[in-house]
PDB file of N, CA and C in Angstrom:
ATOM      1  N   UNK A   1     -95.560   7.352   5.948  1.00  0.00           N
ATOM      2  CA  UNK A   1     -94.722   6.722   7.319  1.00  0.00           C
ATOM      3  C   UNK A   1     -94.411   5.099   6.977  1.00  0.00           C
ATOM      4  N   UNK A   2     -95.033   4.595   7.018  1.00  0.00           N
ATOM      5  CA  UNK A   2     -95.291   3.158   6.752  1.00  0.00           C
ATOM      6  C   UNK A   2     -94.043   2.813   5.690  1.00  0.00           C
ATOM      7  N   UNK A   3     -94.161   3.237   4.615  1.00  0.00           N
ATOM      8  CA  UNK A   3     -93.185   2.981   3.557  1.00  0.00           C
ATOM      9  C   UNK A   3     -91.591   3.180   4.115  1.00  0.00           C
ATOM     10  N   UNK A   4     -91.615   4.515   4.558  1.00  0.00           N
ATOM     11  CA  UNK A   4     -90.462   5.033   5.327  1.00  0.00           C
ATOM     12  C   UNK A   4     -89.695   3.908   6.435  1.00  0.00           C
ATOM     13  N   UNK A   5     -90.882   3.439   7.386  1.00  0.00           N
ATOM     14  CA  UNK A   5     -90.127   2.762   8.219  1.00  0.00           C
ATOM     15  C   UNK A   5     -89.771   1.330   7.290  1.00  0.00           C
ATOM     16  N   UNK A   6     -90.556   0.886   6.587  1.00  0.00           N
ATOM     17  CA  UNK A   6     -90.035  -0.296   5.719  1.00  0.00           C
ATOM     18  C   UNK A   6     -88.677  -0.280   5.211  1.00  0.00           C
ATOM     19  N   UNK A   7     -88.718   1.070   4.938  1.00  0.00           N
ATOM     20  CA  UNK A   7     -87.606   0.715   4.107  1.00  0.00           C
ATOM     21  C   UNK A   7     -86.144   1.320   5.096  1.00  0.00           C
ATOM     22  N   UNK A   8     -86.279   1.411   6.112  1.00  0.00           N
ATOM     23  CA  UNK A   8     -85.152   1.982   7.081  1.00  0.00           C
ATOM     24  C   UNK A   8     -84.692   0.480   7.468  1.00  0.00           C
ATOM     25  N   UNK A   9     -86.089  -0.349   7.888  1.00  0.00           N
ATOM     26  CA  UNK A   9     -86.051  -1.961   8.282  1.00  0.00           C
ATOM     27  C   UNK A   9     -85.306  -2.858   7.283  1.00  0.00           C
ATOM     28  N   UNK A  10     -85.777  -2.886   6.133  1.00  0.00           N
ATOM     29  CA  UNK A  10     -85.029  -3.262   5.013  1.00  0.00           C
ATOM     30  C   UNK A  10     -83.653  -2.736   5.044  1.00  0.00           C
ATOM     31  N   UNK A  11     -83.383  -1.738   5.158  1.00  0.00           N
ATOM     32  CA  UNK A  11     -81.573  -1.418   4.747  1.00  0.00           C
ATOM     33  C   UNK A  11     -80.926  -1.848   6.416  1.00  0.00           C
ATOM     34  N   UNK A  12     -81.216  -2.010   6.961  1.00  0.00           N
ATOM     35  CA  UNK A  12     -81.143  -2.733   8.390  1.00  0.00           C
ATOM     36  C   UNK A  12     -80.743  -4.149   8.196  1.00  0.00           C
ATOM     37  N   UNK A  13     -81.539  -4.803   8.049  1.00  0.00           N
ATOM     38  CA  UNK A  13     -81.387  -5.872   7.586  1.00  0.00           C
ATOM     39  C   UNK A  13     -80.576  -6.369   6.577  1.00  0.00           C
ATOM     40  N   UNK A  14     -80.209  -5.833   5.268  1.00  0.00           N
ATOM     41  CA  UNK A  14     -79.103  -5.679   4.449  1.00  0.00           C
ATOM     42  C   UNK A  14     -77.947  -5.383   4.816  1.00  0.00           C
ATOM     43  N   UNK A  15     -78.090  -4.507   5.828  1.00  0.00           N
ATOM     44  CA  UNK A  15     -76.476  -3.815   6.279  1.00  0.00           C
ATOM     45  C   UNK A  15     -75.902  -4.981   7.211  1.00  0.00           C
ATOM     46  N   UNK A  16     -76.763  -5.475   8.179  1.00  0.00           N
ATOM     47  CA  UNK A  16     -76.582  -6.526   8.794  1.00  0.00           C
ATOM     48  C   UNK A  16     -76.373  -7.813   8.235  1.00  0.00           C
ATOM     49  N   UNK A  17     -76.495  -8.121   7.489  1.00  0.00           N
ATOM     50  CA  UNK A  17     -76.142  -9.300   6.243  1.00  0.00           C
ATOM     51  C   UNK A  17     -74.559  -9.025   6.003  1.00  0.00           C
ATOM     52  N   UNK A  18     -74.452  -7.764   5.159  1.00  0.00           N
ATOM     53  CA  UNK A  18     -73.282  -7.728   4.864  1.00  0.00           C
ATOM     54  C   UNK A  18     -71.921  -7.619   5.855  1.00  0.00           C
ATOM     55  N   UNK A  19     -72.489  -7.583   7.200  1.00  0.00           N
ATOM     56  CA  UNK A  19     -71.631  -7.357   8.316  1.00  0.00           C
ATOM     57  C   UNK A  19     -71.131  -8.678   8.619  1.00  0.00           C
ATOM     58  N   UNK A  20     -72.203  -9.719   8.668  1.00  0.00           N
ATOM     59  CA  UNK A  20     -71.722 -10.771   9.857  1.00  0.00           C
ATOM     60  C   UNK A  20     -70.910 -11.756   8.552  1.00  0.00           C
ATOM     61  N   UNK A  21     -69.963 -12.616   9.516  1.00  0.00           N
ATOM     62  CA  UNK A  21     -69.411 -13.410   8.727  1.00  0.00           C
ATOM     63  C   UNK A  21     -70.211 -14.820   8.204  1.00  0.00           C
ATOM     64  N   UNK A  22     -69.621 -15.410   7.010  1.00  0.00           N
ATOM     65  CA  UNK A  22     -70.463 -16.218   6.338  1.00  0.00           C
ATOM     66  C   UNK A  22     -70.250 -17.428   7.401  1.00  0.00           C
ATOM     67  N   UNK A  23     -70.992 -18.245   7.235  1.00  0.00           N
ATOM     68  CA  UNK A  23     -71.567 -19.411   8.061  1.00  0.00           C
ATOM     69  C   UNK A  23     -69.934 -20.426   7.939  1.00  0.00           C
ATOM     70  N   UNK A  24     -69.365 -20.811   6.930  1.00  0.00           N
ATOM     71  CA  UNK A  24     -68.015 -21.190   6.910  1.00  0.00           C
ATOM     72  C   UNK A  24     -66.969 -20.680   7.596  1.00  0.00           C
ATOM     73  N   UNK A  25     -66.933 -19.372   8.284  1.00  0.00           N
ATOM     74  CA  UNK A  25     -66.050 -18.880   8.978  1.00  0.00           C
ATOM     75  C   UNK A  25     -65.918 -19.722  10.176  1.00  0.00           C
ATOM     76  N   UNK A  26     -66.889 -20.823  10.615  1.00  0.00           N
ATOM     77  CA  UNK A  26     -67.151 -21.328  12.046  1.00  0.00           C
ATOM     78  C   UNK A  26     -65.962 -22.254  12.046  1.00  0.00           C
ATOM     79  N   UNK A  27     -65.431 -22.911  10.980  1.00  0.00           N
ATOM     80  CA  UNK A  27     -64.595 -23.892  10.748  1.00  0.00           C
ATOM     81  C   UNK A  27     -63.062 -23.044  11.465  1.00  0.00           C
ATOM     82  N   UNK A  28     -62.885 -22.090  11.383  1.00  0.00           N
ATOM     83  CA  UNK A  28     -61.912 -21.472  12.254  1.00  0.00           C
ATOM     84  C   UNK A  28     -62.021 -21.746  13.706  1.00  0.00           C
ATOM     85  N   UNK A  29     -63.237 -21.935  13.945  1.00  0.00           N
ATOM     86  CA  UNK A  29     -63.475 -22.161  15.349  1.00  0.00           C
ATOM     87  C   UNK A  29     -62.904 -23.385  15.999  1.00  0.00           C
ATOM     88  N   UNK A  30     -62.611 -24.296  15.108  1.00  0.00           N
ATOM     89  CA  UNK A  30     -62.035 -25.823  15.549  1.00  0.00           C
ATOM     90  C   UNK A  30     -60.770 -26.151  15.619  1.00  0.00           C
ATOM     91  N   UNK A  31     -60.250 -26.795  16.408  1.00  0.00           N
ATOM     92  CA  UNK A  31     -58.730 -27.179  16.796  1.00  0.00           C
ATOM     93  C   UNK A  31     -58.308 -28.520  17.083  1.00  0.00           C
ATOM     94  N   UNK A  32     -57.485 -28.605  16.657  1.00  0.00           N
ATOM     95  CA  UNK A  32     -57.108 -30.249  17.105  1.00  0.00           C
ATOM     96  C   UNK A  32     -56.861 -30.257  18.242  1.00  0.00           C
ATOM     97  N   UNK A  33     -57.856 -32.077  18.796  1.00  0.00           N
ATOM     98  CA  UNK A  33     -57.917 -32.329  20.133  1.00  0.00           C
ATOM     99  C   UNK A  33     -59.477 -32.335  20.668  1.00  0.00           C
ATOM    100  N   UNK A  34     -60.143 -31.740  19.872  1.00  0.00           N
ATOM    101  CA  UNK A  34     -61.659 -31.115  20.247  1.00  0.00           C
ATOM    102  C   UNK A  34     -62.038 -32.710  20.140  1.00  0.00           C
ATOM    103  N   UNK A  35     -63.036 -32.558  21.215  1.00  0.00           N
ATOM    104  CA  UNK A  35     -64.269 -33.824  21.208  1.00  0.00           C
ATOM    105  C   UNK A  35     -65.326 -33.444  19.988  1.00  0.00           C
ATOM    106  N   UNK A  36     -66.412 -34.792  19.609  1.00  0.00           N
ATOM    107  CA  UNK A  36     -67.432 -34.455  18.941  1.00  0.00           C
ATOM    108  C   UNK A  36     -68.193 -33.675  19.321  1.00  0.00           C
ATOM    109  N   UNK A  37     -68.445 -33.653  20.794  1.00  0.00           N
ATOM    110  CA  UNK A  37     -69.315 -32.815  21.835  1.00  0.00           C
ATOM    111  C   UNK A  37     -68.759 -31.247  21.350  1.00  0.00           C
ATOM    112  N   UNK A  38     -67.674 -30.898  21.551  1.00  0.00           N
ATOM    113  CA  UNK A  38     -67.473 -29.711  21.393  1.00  0.00           C
ATOM    114  C   UNK A  38     -67.209 -28.959  19.868  1.00  0.00           C
ATOM    115  N   UNK A  39     -67.158 -30.088  18.910  1.00  0.00           N
ATOM    116  CA  UNK A  39     -67.245 -29.629  17.627  1.00  0.00           C
ATOM    117  C   UNK A  39     -68.598 -29.114  17.417  1.00  0.00           C
ATOM    118  N   UNK A  40     -69.527 -30.243  17.743  1.00  0.00           N
ATOM    119  CA  UNK A  40     -70.706 -29.999  17.322  1.00  0.00           C
ATOM    120  C   UNK A  40     -71.627 -28.402  18.338  1.00  0.00           C
ATOM    121  N   UNK A  41     -71.258 -28.456  19.500  1.00  0.00           N
ATOM    122  CA  UNK A  41     -71.414 -26.946  20.356  1.00  0.00           C
ATOM    123  C   UNK A  41     -70.787 -26.044  19.313  1.00  0.00           C
ATOM    124  N   UNK A  42     -70.006 -26.121  18.325  1.00  0.00           N
ATOM    125  CA  UNK A  42     -69.628 -24.870  17.669  1.00  0.00           C
ATOM    126  C   UNK A  42     -70.244 -24.677  16.421  1.00  0.00           C
ATOM    127  N   UNK A  43     -70.172 -25.859  15.414  1.00  0.00           N
ATOM    128  CA  UNK A  43     -70.541 -26.076  14.236  1.00  0.00           C
ATOM    129  C   UNK A  43     -71.983 -26.297  14.185  1.00  0.00           C
ATOM    130  N   UNK A  44     -72.455 -27.113  15.040  1.00  0.00           N
ATOM    131  CA  UNK A  44     -74.009 -27.697  15.033  1.00  0.00           C
ATOM    132  C   UNK A  44     -73.782 -28.998  14.766  1.00  0.00           C
ATOM    133  N   UNK A  45     -74.941 -29.597  14.173  1.00  0.00           N
ATOM    134  CA  UNK A  45     -75.339 -31.263  14.085  1.00  0.00           C
ATOM    135  C   UNK A  45     -74.524 -31.340  12.003  1.00  0.00           C
ATOM    136  N   UNK A  46     -73.786 -31.843  11.920  1.00  0.00           N
ATOM    137  CA  UNK A  46     -73.390 -32.335  10.743  1.00  0.00           C
ATOM    138  C   UNK A  46     -74.650 -32.508   9.472  1.00  0.00           C
ATOM    139  N   UNK A  47     -74.083 -32.404   7.996  1.00  0.00           N
ATOM    140  CA  UNK A  47     -75.087 -32.951   7.485  1.00  0.00           C
ATOM    141  C   UNK A  47     -75.181 -34.334   7.156  1.00  0.00           C
ATOM    142  N   UNK A  48     -73.705 -35.005   7.359  1.00  0.00           N
ATOM    143  CA  UNK A  48     -73.816 -36.191   7.223  1.00  0.00           C
ATOM    144  C   UNK A  48     -72.454 -36.407   7.808  1.00  0.00           C
ATOM    145  N   UNK A  49     -72.025 -37.794   8.298  1.00  0.00           N
ATOM    146  CA  UNK A  49     -71.255 -38.453   9.291  1.00  0.00           C
ATOM    147  C   UNK A  49     -70.814 -39.748   8.006  1.00  0.00           C
ATOM    148  N   UNK A  50     -69.856 -40.194   8.421  1.00  0.00           N
ATOM    149  CA  UNK A  50     -68.966 -41.157   8.032  1.00  0.00           C
ATOM    150  C   UNK A  50     -68.052 -42.061   9.171  1.00  0.00           C
ATOM    151  N   UNK A  51     -67.718 -43.658   8.875  1.00  0.00           N
ATOM    152  CA  UNK A  51     -66.430 -43.732   9.602  1.00  0.00           C
ATOM    153  C   UNK A  51     -65.983 -44.826   8.960  1.00  0.00           C
ATOM    154  N   UNK A  52     -64.754 -45.058   9.125  1.00  0.00           N
ATOM    155  CA  UNK A  52     -64.259 -46.138   8.442  1.00  0.00           C
ATOM    156  C   UNK A  52     -62.850 -46.723   9.213  1.00  0.00           C
ATOM    157  N   UNK A  53     -62.278 -47.769   9.794  1.00  0.00           N
ATOM    158  CA  UNK A  53     -61.233 -47.947  10.103  1.00  0.00           C
ATOM    159  C   UNK A  53     -60.757 -47.462  11.473  1.00  0.00           C
ATOM    160  N   UNK A  54     -61.819 -46.934  12.120  1.00  0.00           N
ATOM    161  CA  UNK A  54     -61.528 -46.373  13.518  1.00  0.00           C
ATOM    162  C   UNK A  54     -61.449 -44.794  13.044  1.00  0.00           C
ATOM    163  N   UNK A  55     -61.562 -44.208  12.124  1.00  0.00           N
ATOM    164  CA  UNK A  55     -61.575 -42.747  11.972  1.00  0.00           C
ATOM    165  C   UNK A  55     -63.308 -42.543  11.500  1.00  0.00           C
ATOM    166  N   UNK A  56     -63.527 -41.474  12.041  1.00  0.00           N
ATOM    167  CA  UNK A  56     -64.852 -40.955  12.003  1.00  0.00           C
ATOM    168  C   UNK A  56     -64.815 -39.424  11.164  1.00  0.00           C
ATOM    169  N   UNK A  57     -65.311 -39.244  10.335  1.00  0.00           N
ATOM    170  CA  UNK A  57     -65.864 -37.754   9.313  1.00  0.00           C
ATOM    171  C   UNK A  57     -67.306 -37.342   9.861  1.00  0.00           C
ATOM    172  N   UNK A  58     -67.343 -35.927  10.136  1.00  0.00           N
ATOM    173  CA  UNK A  58     -68.367 -35.106  10.141  1.00  0.00           C
ATOM    174  C   UNK A  58     -68.454 -34.091   8.991  1.00  0.00           C
ATOM    175  N   UNK A  59     -69.391 -34.193   7.915  1.00  0.00           N
ATOM    176  CA  UNK A  59     -69.448 -33.300   6.655  1.00  0.00           C
ATOM    177  C   UNK A  59     -70.085 -32.302   7.106  1.00  0.00           C
ATOM    178  N   UNK A  60     -69.874 -31.017   6.871  1.00  0.00           N
ATOM    179  CA  UNK A  60     -70.599 -29.509   6.960  1.00  0.00           C
ATOM    180  C   UNK A  60     -70.887 -29.265   5.761  1.00  0.00           C
ATOM    181  N   UNK A  61     -71.768 -28.911   5.058  1.00  0.00           N
ATOM    182  CA  UNK A  61     -72.141 -27.938   3.872  1.00  0.00           C
ATOM    183  C   UNK A  61     -72.497 -26.761   4.445  1.00  0.00           C
ATOM    184  N   UNK A  62     -71.558 -25.721   4.261  1.00  0.00           N
ATOM    185  CA  UNK A  62     -71.431 -24.717   4.679  1.00  0.00           C
ATOM    186  C   UNK A  62     -71.560 -23.321   3.595  1.00  0.00           C
ATOM    187  N   UNK A  63     -72.517 -22.079   3.769  1.00  0.00           N
ATOM    188  CA  UNK A  63     -72.188 -21.059   2.876  1.00  0.00           C
ATOM    189  C   UNK A  63     -71.121 -20.783   3.363  1.00  0.00           C
ATOM    190  N   UNK A  64     -70.603 -20.097   1.848  1.00  0.00           N
ATOM    191  CA  UNK A  64     -69.560 -19.371   1.949  1.00  0.00           C
ATOM    192  C   UNK A  64     -69.571 -18.366   1.757  1.00  0.00           C
ATOM    193  N   UNK A  65     -70.849 -17.375   1.908  1.00  0.00           N
ATOM    194  CA  UNK A  65     -71.164 -15.649   2.022  1.00  0.00           C
ATOM    195  C   UNK A  65     -72.061 -15.673   3.042  1.00  0.00           C
ATOM    196  N   UNK A  66     -71.985 -14.617   3.504  1.00  0.00           N
ATOM    197  CA  UNK A  66     -73.026 -14.154   4.479  1.00  0.00           C
ATOM    198  C   UNK A  66     -74.260 -13.800   3.623  1.00  0.00           C
ATOM    199  N   UNK A  67     -74.594 -13.540   2.369  1.00  0.00           N
ATOM    200  CA  UNK A  67     -75.520 -12.796   1.748  1.00  0.00           C
ATOM    201  C   UNK A  67     -75.796 -14.352   0.755  1.00  0.00           C
ATOM    202  N   UNK A  68     -75.738 -15.667   0.973  1.00  0.00           N
ATOM    203  CA  UNK A  68     -76.201 -16.907   0.557  1.00  0.00           C
ATOM    204  C   UNK A  68     -77.342 -17.173   0.974  1.00  0.00           C
ATOM    205  N   UNK A  69     -78.544 -16.738   0.580  1.00  0.00           N
ATOM    206  CA  UNK A  69     -79.837 -16.732   0.964  1.00  0.00           C
ATOM    207  C   UNK A  69     -80.375 -18.284  -0.034  1.00  0.00           C
ATOM    208  N   UNK A  70     -79.949 -18.638  -1.035  1.00  0.00           N
ATOM    209  CA  UNK A  70     -80.543 -19.811  -1.506  1.00  0.00           C
ATOM    210  C   UNK A  70     -79.603 -20.864  -1.672  1.00  0.00           C
ATOM    211  N   UNK A  71     -78.576 -21.063  -1.005  1.00  0.00           N
ATOM    212  CA  UNK A  71     -78.060 -22.030  -0.631  1.00  0.00           C
ATOM    213  C   UNK A  71     -77.286 -22.204  -1.845  1.00  0.00           C
ATOM    214  N   UNK A  72     -76.668 -21.452  -2.730  1.00  0.00           N
ATOM    215  CA  UNK A  72     -76.049 -21.983  -4.277  1.00  0.00           C
ATOM    216  C   UNK A  72     -74.600 -21.672  -3.885  1.00  0.00           C
ATOM    217  N   UNK A  73     -73.961 -21.098  -2.997  1.00  0.00           N
ATOM    218  CA  UNK A  73     -72.803 -20.768  -2.763  1.00  0.00           C
ATOM    219  C   UNK A  73     -72.435 -21.422  -1.260  1.00  0.00           C
ATOM    220  N   UNK A  74     -71.884 -22.991  -1.276  1.00  0.00           N
ATOM    221  CA  UNK A  74     -71.677 -23.915  -0.077  1.00  0.00           C
ATOM    222  C   UNK A  74     -70.651 -24.338  -0.595  1.00  0.00           C
ATOM    223  N   UNK A  75     -69.906 -24.723   0.446  1.00  0.00           N
ATOM    224  CA  UNK A  75     -68.606 -25.447   0.142  1.00  0.00           C
ATOM    225  C   UNK A  75     -68.755 -26.802   1.351  1.00  0.00           C
ATOM    226  N   UNK A  76     -68.292 -27.973   1.136  1.00  0.00           N
ATOM    227  CA  UNK A  76     -68.417 -29.263   1.980  1.00  0.00           C
ATOM    228  C   UNK A  76     -66.655 -29.073   2.788  1.00  0.00           C
ATOM    229  N   UNK A  77     -66.949 -28.730   3.907  1.00  0.00           N
ATOM    230  CA  UNK A  77     -65.953 -28.919   5.102  1.00  0.00           C
ATOM    231  C   UNK A  77     -65.629 -30.143   5.861  1.00  0.00           C
ATOM    232  N   UNK A  78     -64.821 -30.838   6.201  1.00  0.00           N
ATOM    233  CA  UNK A  78     -64.944 -31.955   6.714  1.00  0.00           C
ATOM    234  C   UNK A  78     -63.879 -31.856   8.287  1.00  0.00           C
ATOM    235  N   UNK A  79     -64.558 -32.266   9.294  1.00  0.00           N
ATOM    236  CA  UNK A  79     -64.135 -32.740  10.526  1.00  0.00           C
ATOM    237  C   UNK A  79     -63.578 -34.462  10.686  1.00  0.00           C
ATOM    238  N   UNK A  80     -62.282 -34.385  10.837  1.00  0.00           N
ATOM    239  CA  UNK A  80     -61.816 -35.576  10.887  1.00  0.00           C
ATOM    240  C   UNK A  80     -61.373 -36.492  12.741  1.00  0.00           C
ATOM    241  N   UNK A  81     -62.174 -37.296  13.100  1.00  0.00           N
ATOM    242  CA  UNK A  81     -61.863 -37.871  14.320  1.00  0.00           C
ATOM    243  C   UNK A  81     -61.110 -38.912  14.544  1.00  0.00           C
ATOM    244  N   UNK A  82     -59.896 -39.058  15.135  1.00  0.00           N
ATOM    245  CA  UNK A  82     -59.246 -40.066  15.443  1.00  0.00           C
ATOM    246  C   UNK A  82     -59.366 -40.419  17.116  1.00  0.00           C
ATOM    247  N   UNK A  83     -59.611 -41.656  17.525  1.00  0.00           N
ATOM    248  CA  UNK A  83     -59.474 -41.714  18.969  1.00  0.00           C
ATOM    249  C   UNK A  83     -60.942 -40.903  19.500  1.00  0.00           C
ATOM    250  N   UNK A  84     -61.493 -40.671  18.744  1.00  0.00           N
ATOM    251  CA  UNK A  84     -62.433 -39.109  19.384  1.00  0.00           C
ATOM    252  C   UNK A  84     -62.413 -38.312  19.319  1.00  0.00           C
ATOM    253  N   UNK A  85     -60.950 -37.565  18.742  1.00  0.00           N
ATOM    254  CA  UNK A  85     -60.401 -36.498  18.948  1.00  0.00           C
ATOM    255  C   UNK A  85     -60.672 -35.822  17.766  1.00  0.00           C
ATOM    256  N   UNK A  86     -60.275 -34.531  17.351  1.00  0.00           N
ATOM    257  CA  UNK A  86     -60.278 -33.911  16.216  1.00  0.00           C
ATOM    258  C   UNK A  86     -58.644 -33.883  15.642  1.00  0.00           C
ATOM    259  N   UNK A  87     -58.820 -34.360  14.855  1.00  0.00           N
ATOM    260  CA  UNK A  87     -57.243 -34.702  14.163  1.00  0.00           C
ATOM    261  C   UNK A  87     -56.970 -34.091  12.795  1.00  0.00           C
ATOM    262  N   UNK A  88     -57.812 -33.751  11.833  1.00  0.00           N
ATOM    263  CA  UNK A  88     -57.734 -32.755  11.058  1.00  0.00           C
ATOM    264  C   UNK A  88     -59.174 -32.086  10.501  1.00  0.00           C
ATOM    265  N   UNK A  89     -59.089 -31.051   9.889  1.00  0.00           N
ATOM    266  CA  UNK A  89     -60.244 -30.224   9.423  1.00  0.00           C
ATOM    267  C   UNK A  89     -60.006 -29.400   8.689  1.00  0.00           C
ATOM    268  N   UNK A  90     -61.332 -29.134   7.711  1.00  0.00           N
ATOM    269  CA  UNK A  90     -60.969 -28.087   6.541  1.00  0.00           C
ATOM    270  C   UNK A  90     -62.166 -28.775   5.431  1.00  0.00           C
ATOM    271  N   UNK A  91     -61.362 -28.276   4.241  1.00  0.00           N
ATOM    272  CA  UNK A  91     -61.833 -28.752   3.069  1.00  0.00           C
ATOM    273  C   UNK A  91     -60.993 -30.457   2.775  1.00  0.00           C
ATOM    274  N   UNK A  92     -61.886 -30.935   2.050  1.00  0.00           N
ATOM    275  CA  UNK A  92     -61.344 -32.488   1.921  1.00  0.00           C
ATOM    276  C   UNK A  92     -59.919 -32.645   1.479  1.00  0.00           C
ATOM    277  N   UNK A  93     -59.514 -31.478   0.346  1.00  0.00           N
ATOM    278  CA  UNK A  93     -58.117 -31.522   0.045  1.00  0.00           C
ATOM    279  C   UNK A  93     -57.190 -31.151   1.097  1.00  0.00           C
ATOM    280  N   UNK A  94     -57.590 -30.559   1.841  1.00  0.00           N
ATOM    281  CA  UNK A  94     -56.717 -29.679   3.098  1.00  0.00           C
ATOM    282  C   UNK A  94     -55.754 -30.904   3.662  1.00  0.00           C
ATOM    283  N   UNK A  95     -56.489 -32.113   4.282  1.00  0.00           N
ATOM    284  CA  UNK A  95     -56.114 -33.031   4.580  1.00  0.00           C
ATOM    285  C   UNK A  95     -55.875 -34.355   3.949  1.00  0.00           C
ATOM    286  N   UNK A  96     -56.465 -34.683   2.875  1.00  0.00           N
ATOM    287  CA  UNK A  96     -56.617 -35.986   2.019  1.00  0.00           C
ATOM    288  C   UNK A  96     -54.946 -36.071   1.793  1.00  0.00           C
ATOM    289  N   UNK A  97     -54.130 -37.095   2.401  1.00  0.00           N
ATOM    290  CA  UNK A  97     -53.372 -37.811   1.933  1.00  0.00           C
ATOM    291  C   UNK A  97     -53.201 -38.856   1.032  1.00  0.00           C
ATOM    292  N   UNK A  98     -54.086 -39.463   0.498  1.00  0.00           N
ATOM    293  CA  UNK A  98     -54.530 -40.595  -0.296  1.00  0.00           C
ATOM    294  C   UNK A  98     -53.660 -39.955  -1.641  1.00  0.00           C
ATOM    295  N   UNK A  99     -53.451 -38.983  -2.110  1.00  0.00           N
ATOM    296  CA  UNK A  99     -53.170 -38.335  -3.200  1.00  0.00           C
ATOM    297  C   UNK A  99     -51.536 -38.871  -3.240  1.00  0.00           C
ATOM    298  N   UNK A 100     -50.919 -38.177  -4.812  1.00  0.00           N
ATOM    299  CA  UNK A 100     -49.545 -37.980  -4.766  1.00  0.00           C
ATOM    300  C   UNK A 100     -49.094 -37.141  -3.706  1.00  0.00           C
ATOM    301  N   UNK A 101     -47.991 -36.888  -3.287  1.00  0.00           N
ATOM    302  CA  UNK A 101     -47.246 -36.320  -2.452  1.00  0.00           C
ATOM    303  C   UNK A 101     -47.136 -35.015  -3.408  1.00  0.00           C
ATOM    304  N   UNK A 102     -47.121 -33.780  -3.181  1.00  0.00           N
ATOM    305  CA  UNK A 102     -46.938 -32.527  -3.811  1.00  0.00           C
ATOM    306  C   UNK A 102     -45.234 -32.339  -3.541  1.00  0.00           C
ATOM    307  N   UNK A 103     -44.806 -32.073  -4.996  1.00  0.00           N
ATOM    308  CA  UNK A 103     -43.656 -31.997  -5.411  1.00  0.00           C
ATOM    309  C   UNK A 103     -43.399 -30.477  -5.157  1.00  0.00           C
ATOM    310  N   UNK A 104     -42.034 -30.240  -4.757  1.00  0.00           N
ATOM    311  CA  UNK A 104     -41.662 -29.202  -5.236  1.00  0.00           C
ATOM    312  C   UNK A 104     -40.722 -28.822  -6.336  1.00  0.00           C
ATOM    313  N   UNK A 105     -40.830 -27.680  -7.209  1.00  0.00           N
ATOM    314  CA  UNK A 105     -40.027 -27.669  -8.702  1.00  0.00           C
ATOM    315  C   UNK A 105     -39.585 -26.556  -8.477  1.00  0.00           C
ATOM    316  N   UNK A 106     -38.154 -26.273  -8.676  1.00  0.00           N
ATOM    317  CA  UNK A 106     -37.821 -25.201  -9.037  1.00  0.00           C
ATOM    318  C   UNK A 106     -37.205 -25.144 -10.182  1.00  0.00           C
ATOM    319  N   UNK A 107     -37.121 -23.453 -10.859  1.00  0.00           N
ATOM    320  CA  UNK A 107     -36.585 -23.183 -12.060  1.00  0.00           C
ATOM    321  C   UNK A 107     -35.382 -22.120 -11.859  1.00  0.00           C
ATOM    322  N   UNK A 108     -34.197 -22.560 -12.056  1.00  0.00           N
ATOM    323  CA  UNK A 108     -33.324 -21.159 -11.861  1.00  0.00           C
ATOM    324  C   UNK A 108     -32.941 -20.748 -13.324  1.00  0.00           C
ATOM    325  N   UNK A 109     -33.365 -19.631 -13.034  1.00  0.00           N
ATOM    326  CA  UNK A 109     -33.080 -18.509 -15.072  1.00  0.00           C
ATOM    327  C   UNK A 109     -31.813 -17.815 -14.394  1.00  0.00           C
ATOM    328  N   UNK A 110     -30.911 -18.232 -15.633  1.00  0.00           N
ATOM    329  CA  UNK A 110     -29.292 -17.568 -15.740  1.00  0.00           C
ATOM    330  C   UNK A 110     -29.731 -16.389 -16.205  1.00  0.00           C
TER     331      UNK A 110
END
């Protein structure tokens, strides 16, 4: 009987892990204009913070899979604050304007 109970409990745990959203989805609950306190209430404490020239960044290393038990499937997410409010969020490349602008190239085939 104990083995059957153990198997049922194990199955329930695995099933719940498959249906739960990965932690990285929390970033979708952030919106521009939120305060730092609001972001922390949604995301929790950041893994690191940085600031430069009146712009603050919160860095979150989040699992991209609900089944990431060992921390090997993670990605960095950033929340940028200007004047104490969220200005941008996402992966670094999602809002990094330091690089070259993207140019649209169209090829016409005759």
